[in-house]
Amino acid sequence: MARPMGSTNKPKEDEETEVKEEVQKVQEPESKIQFFSEIDMNEKGNITSSMPAWYFEAHIDELRETIGRKERALERGYIDQDQIFRVREELKLERKQLKGIEDSKPKLGGRNKDRCWNAYKSLQDQIAETMPTRKENFDGLVSPQAELKRLKTKHIKIDPEIAKACGVNVVKGHITGDEANKCYQIIGRALGENTYTEKLRRDGNTEAYRSMNELTQSILKGLDARGS
């Protein structure tokens, strides 16, 4: 029997197909988070750089400019005849390199993006909490031993899979301060967020700290007055 004109009811077969497609989307696992790609690895599959190639935006911009400059020079006839072949070959390699870098940047979405965002915020809070404040640095209250321990011992919590994607080895769910900085920078760049860890450093000018500092200064002034 034909459906009435203007009816929005779908055939049973179409509804069943849509349901199957939605179920399939839910069941399909998301691709593994990867920040490093083949372009960052040697023939044995080992990562050869501390940061992925797509992280270095200034280098990418410079490569684009180099390609554009050579293309314009060829179009305008500025290249000597005996150099044209060499320049064209260089352009082929540089375009391939640029495409490889651009294609290697992770396209985060769905649950993977949420996981990276949660890891980023967690690292941000932990790094800020464990960094000496600007006030402590200025007053010389930070011991080299404490700073070395902060940077080199594994005390920062992180999602192990995300740490591995950043090329960092996790021990019992923890990484070092140095490794946390690296992960924060890589994840931040992938999300389009801040990557400068120094921005996380607190001033340390809390009311309690100022009061204690003022009290210390008063005591020192009193001792100076007695001695004069």
Protein backbone atom coordinates (compact mmCIF):
# COMPACT_ATOMS: atom_id res chain seq x y z
CA MET A 1 0.00 0.00 0.00
CA ALA A 2 1.39 3.41 -0.99
CA ARG A 3 2.12 5.94 1.75
CA PRO A 4 -0.03 9.09 1.86
CA MET A 5 1.42 12.24 0.26
CA GLY A 6 3.56 14.26 2.73
CA SER A 7 4.07 11.34 5.09
CA THR A 8 7.44 11.33 6.89
CA ASN A 9 7.28 7.68 7.89
CA LYS A 10 10.27 5.71 6.59
CA PRO A 11 10.10 2.19 5.21
CA LYS A 12 10.94 -0.46 7.79
CA GLU A 13 14.00 -1.50 5.77
CA ASP A 14 15.46 2.05 5.92
CA GLU A 15 14.92 2.27 9.68
CA GLU A 16 16.64 -1.06 10.24
CA THR A 17 19.59 0.05 8.09
CA GLU A 18 20.00 3.31 10.08
CA VAL A 19 19.88 1.42 13.38
CA LYS A 20 22.56 -1.01 12.17
CA GLU A 21 24.78 1.89 11.08
CA GLU A 22 24.44 3.61 14.48
CA VAL A 23 25.22 0.36 16.32
CA GLN A 24 28.26 -0.17 14.11
CA LYS A 25 29.54 3.33 14.90
CA VAL A 26 29.27 2.65 18.63
CA GLN A 27 30.94 -0.75 18.36
CA GLU A 28 33.83 0.36 16.13
CA PRO A 29 36.85 1.16 18.32
CA GLU A 30 38.52 4.54 17.78
CA SER A 31 41.95 4.51 16.25
CA LYS A 32 44.89 4.50 18.66
CA ILE A 33 46.26 7.89 19.69
CA GLN A 34 49.51 8.55 17.82
CA PHE A 35 51.61 11.68 17.95
CA PHE A 36 54.70 10.29 16.22
CA SER A 37 54.54 8.83 12.71
CA GLU A 38 56.85 7.17 10.20
CA ILE A 39 58.37 10.53 9.36
CA ASP A 40 59.78 10.66 12.92
CA MET A 41 61.16 7.10 12.91
CA ASN A 42 64.16 5.24 11.54
CA GLU A 43 64.11 2.05 9.46
CA LYS A 44 63.71 -0.03 12.63
CA GLY A 45 60.61 1.89 13.68
CA ASN A 46 62.31 3.69 16.57
CA ILE A 47 61.49 7.34 17.26
CA THR A 48 64.53 9.45 16.38
CA SER A 49 63.41 12.89 17.58
CA SER A 50 62.28 14.26 20.93
CA MET A 51 59.23 15.95 19.39
CA PRO A 52 57.10 15.03 16.35
CA ALA A 53 57.86 16.91 13.13
CA TRP A 54 54.42 18.59 13.05
CA TYR A 55 55.14 20.20 16.44
CA PHE A 56 57.64 22.67 14.96
CA GLU A 57 55.32 25.23 13.40
CA ALA A 58 58.09 27.73 12.66
CA HIS A 59 59.98 25.09 10.64
CA ILE A 60 56.81 24.19 8.73
CA ASP A 61 56.16 27.86 7.91
CA GLU A 62 59.77 28.23 6.76
CA LEU A 63 59.44 25.16 4.52
CA ARG A 64 56.24 26.54 2.99
CA GLU A 65 57.96 29.86 2.32
CA THR A 66 60.95 28.13 0.72
CA ILE A 67 58.65 26.17 -1.58
CA GLY A 68 56.67 29.27 -2.50
CA ARG A 69 59.83 31.28 -3.19
CA LYS A 70 61.22 28.64 -5.54
CA GLU A 71 57.87 28.24 -7.32
CA ARG A 72 57.65 32.00 -7.92
CA ALA A 73 61.24 32.11 -9.14
CA LEU A 74 60.54 29.34 -11.67
CA GLU A 75 57.30 30.97 -12.86
CA ARG A 76 59.00 34.34 -13.39
CA GLY A 77 62.06 32.90 -15.12
CA TYR A 78 64.53 33.96 -12.43
CA ILE A 79 66.33 30.59 -12.42
CA ASP A 80 69.25 30.04 -14.79
CA GLN A 81 68.54 27.46 -17.45
CA ASP A 82 71.21 25.09 -16.19
CA GLN A 83 69.75 25.22 -12.65
CA ILE A 84 66.08 24.62 -13.47
CA PHE A 85 66.27 20.82 -13.25
CA ARG A 86 68.00 20.95 -9.85
CA VAL A 87 65.46 23.43 -8.44
CA ARG A 88 62.53 21.34 -9.69
CA GLU A 89 63.98 18.23 -8.06
CA GLU A 90 64.44 20.13 -4.80
CA LEU A 91 60.83 21.27 -5.00
CA LYS A 92 59.61 17.69 -5.42
CA LEU A 93 61.45 16.62 -2.28
CA GLU A 94 60.35 19.66 -0.26
CA ARG A 95 56.70 19.29 -1.27
CA LYS A 96 56.83 15.62 -0.31
CA GLN A 97 58.43 16.49 3.02
CA LEU A 98 55.80 19.19 3.74
CA LYS A 99 52.92 16.87 2.86
CA GLY A 100 54.39 14.14 5.05
CA ILE A 101 54.63 16.50 8.01
CA GLU A 102 51.13 17.92 7.52
CA ASP A 103 49.59 14.46 7.09
CA SER A 104 51.34 13.22 10.24
CA LYS A 105 49.59 15.70 12.55
CA PRO A 106 46.98 13.77 14.55
CA LYS A 107 43.33 14.53 13.86
CA LEU A 108 41.81 14.07 17.29
CA GLY A 109 38.10 13.55 17.66
CA GLY A 110 35.50 11.95 19.86
CA ARG A 111 36.74 10.02 22.86
CA ASN A 112 40.40 10.41 21.90
CA LYS A 113 40.09 14.19 21.96
CA ASP A 114 38.36 14.03 25.36
CA ARG A 115 41.10 11.80 26.73
CA CYS A 116 43.81 14.12 25.47
CA TRP A 117 42.02 17.14 26.88
CA ASN A 118 41.68 15.47 30.29
CA ALA A 119 45.36 14.50 30.24
CA TYR A 120 46.33 18.04 29.23
CA LYS A 121 44.35 19.63 32.07
CA SER A 122 45.68 17.10 34.58
CA LEU A 123 49.28 17.73 33.52
CA GLN A 124 48.68 21.47 33.63
CA ASP A 125 47.48 21.28 37.24
CA GLN A 126 50.23 18.90 38.38
CA ILE A 127 53.04 20.84 36.72
CA ALA A 128 51.78 24.12 38.18
CA GLU A 129 51.43 22.56 41.64
CA THR A 130 54.94 21.10 41.69
CA MET A 131 56.82 24.03 40.10
CA PRO A 132 58.50 26.45 42.51
CA THR A 133 56.76 29.82 42.47
CA ARG A 134 58.35 32.92 40.97
CA LYS A 135 58.56 34.35 44.48
CA GLU A 136 60.44 31.28 45.74
CA ASN A 137 62.87 31.51 42.82
CA PHE A 138 63.39 35.23 43.35
CA ASP A 139 64.04 34.78 47.07
CA GLY A 140 66.46 31.89 46.47
CA LEU A 141 64.34 29.37 48.36
CA VAL A 142 64.57 26.59 45.78
CA SER A 143 67.25 23.99 46.46
CA PRO A 144 69.00 22.38 43.45
CA GLN A 145 68.36 18.96 44.99
CA ALA A 146 64.61 19.54 45.21
CA GLU A 147 64.46 20.84 41.64
CA LEU A 148 66.45 17.86 40.36
CA LYS A 149 64.08 15.50 42.16
CA ARG A 150 61.05 17.27 40.69
CA LEU A 151 62.38 16.96 37.14
CA LYS A 152 63.94 13.49 37.25
CA THR A 153 61.76 11.34 39.52
CA LYS A 154 58.46 9.82 38.35
CA HIS A 155 55.75 11.53 40.39
CA ILE A 156 53.34 12.94 37.79
CA LYS A 157 50.24 10.85 37.01
CA ILE A 158 49.19 10.33 33.39
CA ASP A 159 47.14 8.07 31.12
CA PRO A 160 49.72 5.40 30.15
CA GLU A 161 48.53 5.16 26.54
CA ILE A 162 48.84 8.91 26.02
CA ALA A 163 52.30 8.95 27.59
CA LYS A 164 53.36 6.14 25.26
CA ALA A 165 52.00 8.11 22.29
CA CYS A 166 54.27 10.97 23.42
CA GLY A 167 57.27 8.63 23.41
CA VAL A 168 57.50 8.55 27.20
CA ASN A 169 58.02 5.48 29.39
CA VAL A 170 55.53 5.17 32.26
CA VAL A 171 56.40 3.51 35.57
CA LYS A 172 53.40 2.55 37.71
CA GLY A 173 51.29 5.24 36.00
CA HIS A 174 53.80 8.04 36.65
CA ILE A 175 56.33 10.09 34.67
CA THR A 176 59.04 12.60 35.59
CA GLY A 177 58.69 16.37 35.63
CA ASP A 178 60.75 16.64 32.44
CA GLU A 179 58.58 14.02 30.74
CA ALA A 180 55.43 15.79 31.94
CA ASN A 181 56.64 19.00 30.29
CA LYS A 182 57.20 17.12 27.03
CA CYS A 183 53.76 15.47 27.10
CA TYR A 184 52.10 18.78 27.98
CA GLN A 185 53.74 20.46 24.99
CA ILE A 186 52.87 17.71 22.49
CA ILE A 187 49.26 17.36 23.63
CA GLY A 188 48.86 21.13 23.85
CA ARG A 189 50.09 21.59 20.27
CA ALA A 190 47.74 18.84 19.02
CA LEU A 191 44.80 20.55 20.75
CA GLY A 192 45.82 24.06 19.71
CA GLU A 193 46.41 25.10 23.32
CA ASN A 194 49.29 26.62 25.28
CA THR A 195 52.58 24.70 25.14
CA TYR A 196 54.76 27.08 27.20
CA THR A 197 55.12 25.49 30.63
CA GLU A 198 56.59 28.64 32.18
CA LYS A 199 53.12 30.18 31.90
CA LEU A 200 52.00 27.64 34.49
CA ARG A 201 54.38 28.93 37.16
CA ARG A 202 52.51 30.59 40.02
CA ASP A 203 53.51 33.99 41.38
CA GLY A 204 53.50 32.83 45.00
CA ASN A 205 52.35 36.21 46.28
CA THR A 206 49.62 34.80 48.49
CA GLU A 207 48.35 36.76 51.46
CA ALA A 208 49.89 34.27 53.90
CA TYR A 209 53.23 34.44 52.11
CA ARG A 210 53.18 38.26 52.06
CA SER A 211 52.30 38.39 55.75
CA MET A 212 55.11 36.02 56.64
CA ASN A 213 57.53 37.96 54.47
CA GLU A 214 56.49 41.27 56.08
CA LEU A 215 56.96 39.75 59.54
CA THR A 216 60.43 38.50 58.57
CA GLN A 217 61.36 41.94 57.24
CA SER A 218 60.12 43.60 60.48
CA ILE A 219 62.24 41.26 62.59
CA LEU A 220 65.30 41.92 60.45
CA LYS A 221 64.74 45.68 60.67
CA GLY A 222 64.41 45.40 64.45
CA LEU A 223 67.68 43.50 64.67
CA ASP A 224 69.39 46.09 62.50
CA ALA A 225 68.08 48.88 64.72
CA ARG A 226 69.44 47.20 67.84
CA GLY A 227 72.80 46.72 66.27
CA SER A 228 73.14 50.35 65.19
